[in-house]
All heavy atoms as atom14 arrays in JSON, in Angstrom:
{
  "sequence": "RQDGRTRRAAWAVVGACGAALVITSALAGGLAFRLAGGQDYAALGR",
  "atom14_mask": [
    [1, 1, 1, 1, 1, 1, 1, 1, 1, 1, 1, 0, 0, 0],
    [1, 1, 1, 1, 1, 1, 1, 1, 1, 0, 0, 0, 0, 0],
    [1, 1, 1, 1, 1, 1, 1, 1, 0, 0, 0, 0, 0, 0],
    [1, 1, 1, 1, 0, 0, 0, 0, 0, 0, 0, 0, 0, 0],
    [1, 1, 1, 1, 1, 1, 1, 1, 1, 1, 1, 0, 0, 0],
    [1, 1, 1, 1, 1, 1, 1, 0, 0, 0, 0, 0, 0, 0],
    [1, 1, 1, 1, 1, 1, 1, 1, 1, 1, 1, 0, 0, 0],
    [1, 1, 1, 1, 1, 1, 1, 1, 1, 1, 1, 0, 0, 0],
    [1, 1, 1, 1, 1, 0, 0, 0, 0, 0, 0, 0, 0, 0],
    [1, 1, 1, 1, 1, 0, 0, 0, 0, 0, 0, 0, 0, 0],
    [1, 1, 1, 1, 1, 1, 1, 1, 1, 1, 1, 1, 1, 1],
    [1, 1, 1, 1, 1, 0, 0, 0, 0, 0, 0, 0, 0, 0],
    [1, 1, 1, 1, 1, 1, 1, 0, 0, 0, 0, 0, 0, 0],
    [1, 1, 1, 1, 1, 1, 1, 0, 0, 0, 0, 0, 0, 0],
    [1, 1, 1, 1, 0, 0, 0, 0, 0, 0, 0, 0, 0, 0],
    [1, 1, 1, 1, 1, 0, 0, 0, 0, 0, 0, 0, 0, 0],
    [1, 1, 1, 1, 1, 1, 0, 0, 0, 0, 0, 0, 0, 0],
    [1, 1, 1, 1, 0, 0, 0, 0, 0, 0, 0, 0, 0, 0],
    [1, 1, 1, 1, 1, 0, 0, 0, 0, 0, 0, 0, 0, 0],
    [1, 1, 1, 1, 1, 0, 0, 0, 0, 0, 0, 0, 0, 0],
    [1, 1, 1, 1, 1, 1, 1, 1, 0, 0, 0, 0, 0, 0],
    [1, 1, 1, 1, 1, 1, 1, 0, 0, 0, 0, 0, 0, 0],
    [1, 1, 1, 1, 1, 1, 1, 1, 0, 0, 0, 0, 0, 0],
    [1, 1, 1, 1, 1, 1, 1, 0, 0, 0, 0, 0, 0, 0],
    [1, 1, 1, 1, 1, 1, 0, 0, 0, 0, 0, 0, 0, 0],
    [1, 1, 1, 1, 1, 0, 0, 0, 0, 0, 0, 0, 0, 0],
    [1, 1, 1, 1, 1, 1, 1, 1, 0, 0, 0, 0, 0, 0],
    [1, 1, 1, 1, 1, 0, 0, 0, 0, 0, 0, 0, 0, 0],
    [1, 1, 1, 1, 0, 0, 0, 0, 0, 0, 0, 0, 0, 0],
    [1, 1, 1, 1, 0, 0, 0, 0, 0, 0, 0, 0, 0, 0],
    [1, 1, 1, 1, 1, 1, 1, 1, 0, 0, 0, 0, 0, 0],
    [1, 1, 1, 1, 1, 0, 0, 0, 0, 0, 0, 0, 0, 0],
    [1, 1, 1, 1, 1, 1, 1, 1, 1, 1, 1, 0, 0, 0],
    [1, 1, 1, 1, 1, 1, 1, 1, 1, 1, 1, 0, 0, 0],
    [1, 1, 1, 1, 1, 1, 1, 1, 0, 0, 0, 0, 0, 0],
    [1, 1, 1, 1, 1, 0, 0, 0, 0, 0, 0, 0, 0, 0],
    [1, 1, 1, 1, 0, 0, 0, 0, 0, 0, 0, 0, 0, 0],
    [1, 1, 1, 1, 0, 0, 0, 0, 0, 0, 0, 0, 0, 0],
    [1, 1, 1, 1, 1, 1, 1, 1, 1, 0, 0, 0, 0, 0],
    [1, 1, 1, 1, 1, 1, 1, 1, 0, 0, 0, 0, 0, 0],
    [1, 1, 1, 1, 1, 1, 1, 1, 1, 1, 1, 1, 0, 0],
    [1, 1, 1, 1, 1, 0, 0, 0, 0, 0, 0, 0, 0, 0],
    [1, 1, 1, 1, 1, 0, 0, 0, 0, 0, 0, 0, 0, 0],
    [1, 1, 1, 1, 1, 1, 1, 1, 0, 0, 0, 0, 0, 0],
    [1, 1, 1, 1, 0, 0, 0, 0, 0, 0, 0, 0, 0, 0],
    [1, 1, 1, 1, 1, 1, 1, 1, 1, 1, 1, 0, 0, 0]
  ],
  "atom14_positions": [
    [[20.56, 40.12, 57.48], [21.39, 39.79, 56.32], [22.05, 41.01, 55.73], [22.42, 41.05, 54.56], [20.51, 39.09, 55.27], [20.03, 37.72, 55.72], [18.96, 37.18, 54.8], [18.5, 35.86, 55.29], [17.34, 35.31, 54.96], [16.52, 35.96, 54.16], [17.0, 34.13, 55.44], [0.0, 0.0, 0.0], [0.0, 0.0, 0.0], [0.0, 0.0, 0.0]],
    [[22.15, 42.07, 56.56], [22.84, 43.31, 56.17], [22.16, 43.99, 54.98], [22.85, 44.55, 54.11], [24.3, 43.03, 55.86], [25.07, 42.3, 56.96], [25.02, 43.04, 58.28], [25.23, 44.23, 58.32], [24.74, 42.34, 59.36], [0.0, 0.0, 0.0], [0.0, 0.0, 0.0], [0.0, 0.0, 0.0], [0.0, 0.0, 0.0], [0.0, 0.0, 0.0]],
    [[20.85, 43.97, 54.95], [20.1, 44.64, 53.89], [19.85, 46.09, 54.32], [18.9, 46.39, 55.06], [18.76, 43.91, 53.66], [18.0, 44.45, 52.46], [18.28, 45.6, 52.06], [17.12, 43.75, 51.94], [0.0, 0.0, 0.0], [0.0, 0.0, 0.0], [0.0, 0.0, 0.0], [0.0, 0.0, 0.0], [0.0, 0.0, 0.0], [0.0, 0.0, 0.0]],
    [[20.71, 46.98, 53.87], [20.6, 48.38, 54.27], [19.33, 49.03, 53.76], [18.77, 49.91, 54.41], [0.0, 0.0, 0.0], [0.0, 0.0, 0.0], [0.0, 0.0, 0.0], [0.0, 0.0, 0.0], [0.0, 0.0, 0.0], [0.0, 0.0, 0.0], [0.0, 0.0, 0.0], [0.0, 0.0, 0.0], [0.0, 0.0, 0.0], [0.0, 0.0, 0.0]],
    [[18.85, 48.61, 52.58], [17.63, 49.19, 52.04], [16.43, 48.88, 52.94], [15.58, 49.74, 53.15], [17.38, 48.66, 50.63], [16.22, 49.35, 49.92], [16.12, 48.89, 48.49], [15.82, 47.46, 48.4], [15.63, 46.83, 47.24], [15.76, 47.48, 46.1], [15.36, 45.53, 47.23], [0.0, 0.0, 0.0], [0.0, 0.0, 0.0], [0.0, 0.0, 0.0]],
    [[16.38, 47.66, 53.46], [15.29, 47.31, 54.37], [15.35, 48.13, 55.64], [14.33, 48.59, 56.15], [15.36, 45.81, 54.72], [15.14, 45.04, 53.53], [14.31, 45.44, 55.75], [0.0, 0.0, 0.0], [0.0, 0.0, 0.0], [0.0, 0.0, 0.0], [0.0, 0.0, 0.0], [0.0, 0.0, 0.0], [0.0, 0.0, 0.0], [0.0, 0.0, 0.0]],
    [[16.56, 48.35, 56.17], [16.7, 49.17, 57.37], [16.19, 50.58, 57.14], [15.44, 51.13, 57.96], [18.16, 49.2, 57.81], [18.39, 49.97, 59.11], [19.85, 50.06, 59.49], [20.6, 50.88, 58.53], [21.56, 50.43, 57.74], [21.89, 49.16, 57.77], [22.2, 51.23, 56.91], [0.0, 0.0, 0.0], [0.0, 0.0, 0.0], [0.0, 0.0, 0.0]],
    [[16.57, 51.16, 56.02], [16.12, 52.52, 55.72], [14.61, 52.58, 55.5], [13.94, 53.52, 55.93], [16.88, 53.05, 54.49], [18.36, 53.31, 54.74], [18.99, 54.02, 53.56], [18.99, 53.19, 52.35], [19.97, 52.34, 52.03], [21.01, 52.19, 52.85], [19.91, 51.63, 50.92], [0.0, 0.0, 0.0], [0.0, 0.0, 0.0], [0.0, 0.0, 0.0]],
    [[14.09, 51.55, 54.82], [12.64, 51.52, 54.57], [11.87, 51.38, 55.86], [10.84, 52.04, 56.07], [12.3, 50.37, 53.62], [0.0, 0.0, 0.0], [0.0, 0.0, 0.0], [0.0, 0.0, 0.0], [0.0, 0.0, 0.0], [0.0, 0.0, 0.0], [0.0, 0.0, 0.0], [0.0, 0.0, 0.0], [0.0, 0.0, 0.0], [0.0, 0.0, 0.0]],
    [[12.35, 50.51, 56.76], [11.67, 50.33, 58.05], [11.67, 51.63, 58.85], [10.65, 52.01, 59.44], [12.35, 49.22, 58.84], [0.0, 0.0, 0.0], [0.0, 0.0, 0.0], [0.0, 0.0, 0.0], [0.0, 0.0, 0.0], [0.0, 0.0, 0.0], [0.0, 0.0, 0.0], [0.0, 0.0, 0.0], [0.0, 0.0, 0.0], [0.0, 0.0, 0.0]],
    [[12.82, 52.31, 58.87], [12.91, 53.57, 59.6], [11.97, 54.6, 59.0], [11.31, 55.36, 59.71], [14.36, 54.07, 59.54], [14.7, 55.05, 60.61], [15.07, 54.77, 61.89], [14.74, 56.48, 60.48], [15.32, 55.94, 62.57], [15.12, 57.0, 61.74], [14.48, 57.36, 59.44], [15.25, 58.36, 61.98], [14.61, 58.72, 59.67], [14.99, 59.21, 60.93]],
    [[11.9, 54.63, 57.66], [11.03, 55.61, 56.99], [9.56, 55.33, 57.26], [8.78, 56.25, 57.52], [11.3, 55.58, 55.48], [0.0, 0.0, 0.0], [0.0, 0.0, 0.0], [0.0, 0.0, 0.0], [0.0, 0.0, 0.0], [0.0, 0.0, 0.0], [0.0, 0.0, 0.0], [0.0, 0.0, 0.0], [0.0, 0.0, 0.0], [0.0, 0.0, 0.0]],
    [[9.16, 54.05, 57.23], [7.75, 53.7, 57.46], [7.35, 54.02, 58.9], [6.29, 54.6, 59.16], [7.5, 52.21, 57.14], [6.11, 51.79, 57.59], [7.66, 51.96, 55.65], [0.0, 0.0, 0.0], [0.0, 0.0, 0.0], [0.0, 0.0, 0.0], [0.0, 0.0, 0.0], [0.0, 0.0, 0.0], [0.0, 0.0, 0.0], [0.0, 0.0, 0.0]],
    [[8.21, 53.63, 59.85], [7.9, 53.92, 61.26], [7.87, 55.43, 61.49], [7.0, 55.94, 62.21], [8.94, 53.24, 62.18], [8.76, 53.7, 63.62], [8.8, 51.73, 62.1], [0.0, 0.0, 0.0], [0.0, 0.0, 0.0], [0.0, 0.0, 0.0], [0.0, 0.0, 0.0], [0.0, 0.0, 0.0], [0.0, 0.0, 0.0], [0.0, 0.0, 0.0]],
    [[8.79, 56.16, 60.87], [8.78, 57.61, 61.0], [7.52, 58.24, 60.43], [6.94, 59.16, 61.02], [0.0, 0.0, 0.0], [0.0, 0.0, 0.0], [0.0, 0.0, 0.0], [0.0, 0.0, 0.0], [0.0, 0.0, 0.0], [0.0, 0.0, 0.0], [0.0, 0.0, 0.0], [0.0, 0.0, 0.0], [0.0, 0.0, 0.0], [0.0, 0.0, 0.0]],
    [[7.07, 57.71, 59.28], [5.85, 58.24, 58.66], [4.63, 57.95, 59.54], [3.75, 58.81, 59.7], [5.66, 57.62, 57.28], [0.0, 0.0, 0.0], [0.0, 0.0, 0.0], [0.0, 0.0, 0.0], [0.0, 0.0, 0.0], [0.0, 0.0, 0.0], [0.0, 0.0, 0.0], [0.0, 0.0, 0.0], [0.0, 0.0, 0.0], [0.0, 0.0, 0.0]],
    [[4.58, 56.75, 60.12], [3.47, 56.41, 61.02], [3.47, 57.35, 62.23], [2.41, 57.86, 62.64], [3.6, 54.97, 61.5], [3.25, 53.73, 60.24], [0.0, 0.0, 0.0], [0.0, 0.0, 0.0], [0.0, 0.0, 0.0], [0.0, 0.0, 0.0], [0.0, 0.0, 0.0], [0.0, 0.0, 0.0], [0.0, 0.0, 0.0], [0.0, 0.0, 0.0]],
    [[4.65, 57.59, 62.79], [4.76, 58.49, 63.94], [4.33, 59.9, 63.6], [3.59, 60.54, 64.35], [0.0, 0.0, 0.0], [0.0, 0.0, 0.0], [0.0, 0.0, 0.0], [0.0, 0.0, 0.0], [0.0, 0.0, 0.0], [0.0, 0.0, 0.0], [0.0, 0.0, 0.0], [0.0, 0.0, 0.0], [0.0, 0.0, 0.0], [0.0, 0.0, 0.0]],
    [[4.78, 60.39, 62.43], [4.4, 61.74, 62.02], [2.9, 61.86, 61.85], [2.28, 62.86, 62.25], [5.12, 62.1, 60.72], [0.0, 0.0, 0.0], [0.0, 0.0, 0.0], [0.0, 0.0, 0.0], [0.0, 0.0, 0.0], [0.0, 0.0, 0.0], [0.0, 0.0, 0.0], [0.0, 0.0, 0.0], [0.0, 0.0, 0.0], [0.0, 0.0, 0.0]],
    [[2.28, 60.83, 61.25], [0.83, 60.86, 61.06], [0.09, 60.89, 62.39], [-0.9, 61.62, 62.56], [0.4, 59.65, 60.24], [0.0, 0.0, 0.0], [0.0, 0.0, 0.0], [0.0, 0.0, 0.0], [0.0, 0.0, 0.0], [0.0, 0.0, 0.0], [0.0, 0.0, 0.0], [0.0, 0.0, 0.0], [0.0, 0.0, 0.0], [0.0, 0.0, 0.0]],
    [[0.58, 60.11, 63.36], [-0.06, 60.08, 64.68], [0.11, 61.41, 65.41], [-0.81, 61.87, 66.1], [0.51, 58.93, 65.51], [0.1, 57.52, 65.05], [0.93, 56.47, 65.78], [-1.38, 57.29, 65.29], [0.0, 0.0, 0.0], [0.0, 0.0, 0.0], [0.0, 0.0, 0.0], [0.0, 0.0, 0.0], [0.0, 0.0, 0.0], [0.0, 0.0, 0.0]],
    [[1.27, 62.04, 65.28], [1.49, 63.33, 65.93], [0.57, 64.39, 65.32], [-0.05, 65.19, 66.03], [2.97, 63.75, 65.79], [3.16, 65.18, 66.28], [3.86, 62.81, 66.61], [0.0, 0.0, 0.0], [0.0, 0.0, 0.0], [0.0, 0.0, 0.0], [0.0, 0.0, 0.0], [0.0, 0.0, 0.0], [0.0, 0.0, 0.0], [0.0, 0.0, 0.0]],
    [[0.48, 64.4, 64.0], [-0.39, 65.38, 63.33], [-1.85, 65.15, 63.72], [-2.59, 66.1, 64.02], [-0.21, 65.29, 61.81], [1.2, 65.75, 61.42], [-1.26, 66.13, 61.09], [1.54, 65.51, 59.96], [0.0, 0.0, 0.0], [0.0, 0.0, 0.0], [0.0, 0.0, 0.0], [0.0, 0.0, 0.0], [0.0, 0.0, 0.0], [0.0, 0.0, 0.0]],
    [[-2.25, 63.9, 63.75], [-3.63, 63.59, 64.14], [-3.9, 64.03, 65.58], [-4.97, 64.58, 65.88], [-3.89, 62.08, 64.0], [-3.65, 61.67, 62.65], [-5.33, 61.74, 64.37], [0.0, 0.0, 0.0], [0.0, 0.0, 0.0], [0.0, 0.0, 0.0], [0.0, 0.0, 0.0], [0.0, 0.0, 0.0], [0.0, 0.0, 0.0], [0.0, 0.0, 0.0]],
    [[-2.92, 63.8, 66.47], [-3.08, 64.22, 67.86], [-3.16, 65.74, 67.98], [-3.9, 66.26, 68.82], [-1.91, 63.69, 68.7], [-1.88, 62.29, 68.69], [0.0, 0.0, 0.0], [0.0, 0.0, 0.0], [0.0, 0.0, 0.0], [0.0, 0.0, 0.0], [0.0, 0.0, 0.0], [0.0, 0.0, 0.0], [0.0, 0.0, 0.0], [0.0, 0.0, 0.0]],
    [[-2.42, 66.45, 67.14], [-2.46, 67.92, 67.17], [-3.81, 68.44, 66.71], [-4.32, 69.44, 67.23], [-1.34, 68.49, 66.31], [0.0, 0.0, 0.0], [0.0, 0.0, 0.0], [0.0, 0.0, 0.0], [0.0, 0.0, 0.0], [0.0, 0.0, 0.0], [0.0, 0.0, 0.0], [0.0, 0.0, 0.0], [0.0, 0.0, 0.0], [0.0, 0.0, 0.0]],
    [[-4.4, 67.75, 65.74], [-5.68, 68.19, 65.2], [-6.87, 67.76, 66.06], [-7.91, 68.42, 66.06], [-5.86, 67.65, 63.76], [-4.85, 68.16, 62.73], [-5.07, 67.46, 61.39], [-4.97, 69.68, 62.57], [0.0, 0.0, 0.0], [0.0, 0.0, 0.0], [0.0, 0.0, 0.0], [0.0, 0.0, 0.0], [0.0, 0.0, 0.0], [0.0, 0.0, 0.0]],
    [[-6.72, 66.64, 66.76], [-7.85, 66.11, 67.53], [-7.38, 65.67, 68.92], [-7.71, 64.58, 69.38], [-8.49, 64.94, 66.79], [0.0, 0.0, 0.0], [0.0, 0.0, 0.0], [0.0, 0.0, 0.0], [0.0, 0.0, 0.0], [0.0, 0.0, 0.0], [0.0, 0.0, 0.0], [0.0, 0.0, 0.0], [0.0, 0.0, 0.0], [0.0, 0.0, 0.0]],
    [[-6.6, 66.53, 69.58], [-6.05, 66.17, 70.88], [-7.12, 65.96, 71.94], [-7.03, 65.03, 72.75], [0.0, 0.0, 0.0], [0.0, 0.0, 0.0], [0.0, 0.0, 0.0], [0.0, 0.0, 0.0], [0.0, 0.0, 0.0], [0.0, 0.0, 0.0], [0.0, 0.0, 0.0], [0.0, 0.0, 0.0], [0.0, 0.0, 0.0], [0.0, 0.0, 0.0]],
    [[-8.15, 66.84, 71.94], [-9.22, 66.68, 72.92], [-9.93, 65.37, 72.77], [-10.23, 64.68, 73.76], [0.0, 0.0, 0.0], [0.0, 0.0, 0.0], [0.0, 0.0, 0.0], [0.0, 0.0, 0.0], [0.0, 0.0, 0.0], [0.0, 0.0, 0.0], [0.0, 0.0, 0.0], [0.0, 0.0, 0.0], [0.0, 0.0, 0.0], [0.0, 0.0, 0.0]],
    [[-10.2, 64.97, 71.52], [-10.85, 63.68, 71.28], [-9.96, 62.53, 71.72], [-10.44, 61.55, 72.3], [-11.18, 63.57, 69.79], [-11.77, 62.23, 69.33], [-13.1, 61.96, 70.02], [-11.93, 62.2, 67.8], [0.0, 0.0, 0.0], [0.0, 0.0, 0.0], [0.0, 0.0, 0.0], [0.0, 0.0, 0.0], [0.0, 0.0, 0.0], [0.0, 0.0, 0.0]],
    [[-8.65, 62.65, 71.45], [-7.72, 61.58, 71.83], [-7.72, 61.38, 73.35], [-7.79, 60.24, 73.84], [-6.31, 61.91, 71.34], [0.0, 0.0, 0.0], [0.0, 0.0, 0.0], [0.0, 0.0, 0.0], [0.0, 0.0, 0.0], [0.0, 0.0, 0.0], [0.0, 0.0, 0.0], [0.0, 0.0, 0.0], [0.0, 0.0, 0.0], [0.0, 0.0, 0.0]],
    [[-7.65, 62.47, 74.11], [-7.67, 62.34, 75.57], [-9.03, 61.84, 76.06], [-9.11, 61.09, 77.04], [-7.34, 63.69, 76.23], [-5.91, 63.82, 76.64], [-4.94, 64.25, 75.73], [-5.5, 63.48, 77.92], [-3.61, 64.36, 76.1], [-4.18, 63.59, 78.3], [-3.22, 64.03, 77.39], [0.0, 0.0, 0.0], [0.0, 0.0, 0.0], [0.0, 0.0, 0.0]],
    [[-10.1, 62.25, 75.39], [-11.43, 61.8, 75.8], [-11.58, 60.29, 75.56], [-12.13, 59.57, 76.4], [-12.5, 62.56, 75.03], [-13.92, 62.27, 75.52], [-14.91, 63.35, 75.12], [-14.97, 63.54, 73.67], [-14.56, 64.62, 73.02], [-14.02, 65.64, 73.69], [-14.66, 64.72, 71.72], [0.0, 0.0, 0.0], [0.0, 0.0, 0.0], [0.0, 0.0, 0.0]],
    [[-11.07, 59.8, 74.44], [-11.13, 58.37, 74.16], [-10.26, 57.58, 75.13], [-10.59, 56.46, 75.53], [-10.69, 58.09, 72.72], [-11.63, 58.59, 71.62], [-11.0, 58.36, 70.25], [-12.98, 57.87, 71.71], [0.0, 0.0, 0.0], [0.0, 0.0, 0.0], [0.0, 0.0, 0.0], [0.0, 0.0, 0.0], [0.0, 0.0, 0.0], [0.0, 0.0, 0.0]],
    [[-9.11, 58.15, 75.5], [-8.17, 57.44, 76.37], [-8.61, 57.44, 77.83], [-8.39, 56.45, 78.55], [-6.78, 58.05, 76.25], [0.0, 0.0, 0.0], [0.0, 0.0, 0.0], [0.0, 0.0, 0.0], [0.0, 0.0, 0.0], [0.0, 0.0, 0.0], [0.0, 0.0, 0.0], [0.0, 0.0, 0.0], [0.0, 0.0, 0.0], [0.0, 0.0, 0.0]],
    [[-9.24, 58.55, 78.3], [-9.55, 58.62, 79.72], [-10.93, 59.1, 80.09], [-11.3, 59.1, 81.25], [0.0, 0.0, 0.0], [0.0, 0.0, 0.0], [0.0, 0.0, 0.0], [0.0, 0.0, 0.0], [0.0, 0.0, 0.0], [0.0, 0.0, 0.0], [0.0, 0.0, 0.0], [0.0, 0.0, 0.0], [0.0, 0.0, 0.0], [0.0, 0.0, 0.0]],
    [[-11.69, 59.55, 79.09], [-13.03, 60.04, 79.4], [-13.12, 61.55, 79.26], [-12.12, 62.26, 79.08], [0.0, 0.0, 0.0], [0.0, 0.0, 0.0], [0.0, 0.0, 0.0], [0.0, 0.0, 0.0], [0.0, 0.0, 0.0], [0.0, 0.0, 0.0], [0.0, 0.0, 0.0], [0.0, 0.0, 0.0], [0.0, 0.0, 0.0], [0.0, 0.0, 0.0]],
    [[-14.35, 62.05, 79.38], [-14.63, 63.46, 79.18], [-13.86, 64.36, 80.14], [-13.49, 65.48, 79.8], [-16.13, 63.71, 79.33], [-16.56, 65.15, 79.1], [-16.25, 65.63, 77.69], [-16.41, 64.88, 76.72], [-15.77, 66.87, 77.57], [0.0, 0.0, 0.0], [0.0, 0.0, 0.0], [0.0, 0.0, 0.0], [0.0, 0.0, 0.0], [0.0, 0.0, 0.0]],
    [[-13.57, 63.88, 81.34], [-12.89, 64.7, 82.35], [-11.5, 65.15, 81.9], [-10.96, 66.12, 82.44], [-12.78, 63.95, 83.67], [-14.14, 63.73, 84.32], [-15.1, 64.43, 83.93], [-14.24, 62.86, 85.2], [0.0, 0.0, 0.0], [0.0, 0.0, 0.0], [0.0, 0.0, 0.0], [0.0, 0.0, 0.0], [0.0, 0.0, 0.0], [0.0, 0.0, 0.0]],
    [[-10.91, 64.42, 80.94], [-9.54, 64.72, 80.53], [-9.45, 65.4, 79.17], [-8.35, 65.65, 78.67], [-8.71, 63.42, 80.49], [-8.63, 62.74, 81.83], [-9.5, 61.68, 82.14], [-7.74, 63.16, 82.8], [-9.44, 61.06, 83.38], [-7.67, 62.54, 84.05], [-8.53, 61.49, 84.32], [-8.48, 60.88, 85.55], [0.0, 0.0, 0.0], [0.0, 0.0, 0.0]],
    [[-10.6, 65.74, 78.59], [-10.6, 66.33, 77.25], [-9.86, 67.67, 77.22], [-9.26, 68.03, 76.2], [-12.03, 66.51, 76.75], [0.0, 0.0, 0.0], [0.0, 0.0, 0.0], [0.0, 0.0, 0.0], [0.0, 0.0, 0.0], [0.0, 0.0, 0.0], [0.0, 0.0, 0.0], [0.0, 0.0, 0.0], [0.0, 0.0, 0.0], [0.0, 0.0, 0.0]],
    [[-9.87, 68.4, 78.34], [-9.22, 69.72, 78.37], [-7.7, 69.62, 78.22], [-7.04, 70.63, 77.95], [-9.56, 70.42, 79.68], [0.0, 0.0, 0.0], [0.0, 0.0, 0.0], [0.0, 0.0, 0.0], [0.0, 0.0, 0.0], [0.0, 0.0, 0.0], [0.0, 0.0, 0.0], [0.0, 0.0, 0.0], [0.0, 0.0, 0.0], [0.0, 0.0, 0.0]],
    [[-7.14, 68.44, 78.4], [-5.69, 68.26, 78.27], [-5.26, 67.99, 76.83], [-4.11, 67.65, 76.58], [-5.22, 67.11, 79.16], [-5.45, 67.28, 80.67], [-5.1, 66.0, 81.41], [-4.62, 68.44, 81.21], [0.0, 0.0, 0.0], [0.0, 0.0, 0.0], [0.0, 0.0, 0.0], [0.0, 0.0, 0.0], [0.0, 0.0, 0.0], [0.0, 0.0, 0.0]],
    [[-6.19, 68.15, 75.9], [-5.91, 67.82, 74.51], [-4.72, 68.53, 73.91], [-4.07, 68.01, 73.0], [0.0, 0.0, 0.0], [0.0, 0.0, 0.0], [0.0, 0.0, 0.0], [0.0, 0.0, 0.0], [0.0, 0.0, 0.0], [0.0, 0.0, 0.0], [0.0, 0.0, 0.0], [0.0, 0.0, 0.0], [0.0, 0.0, 0.0], [0.0, 0.0, 0.0]],
    [[-4.38, 69.73, 74.41], [-3.24, 70.46, 73.85], [-1.91, 69.74, 74.07], [-0.91, 70.02, 73.39], [-3.18, 71.86, 74.46], [-2.91, 71.9, 75.95], [-3.0, 73.34, 76.47], [-2.67, 73.47, 77.89], [-3.51, 73.21, 78.88], [-4.75, 72.79, 78.61], [-3.15, 73.37, 80.14], [0.0, 0.0, 0.0], [0.0, 0.0, 0.0], [0.0, 0.0, 0.0]]
  ]
}
């Protein structure tokens, strides 16, 4: 319905979610790889 405010809000929320996930991955990359693939891949956390 051409609601520009909703478009901007959606972009901002998705961007904030992405930024939070990137920061979390930077702080706990080894844990993220370990959860995704197991202990053998924890060294790839960087």
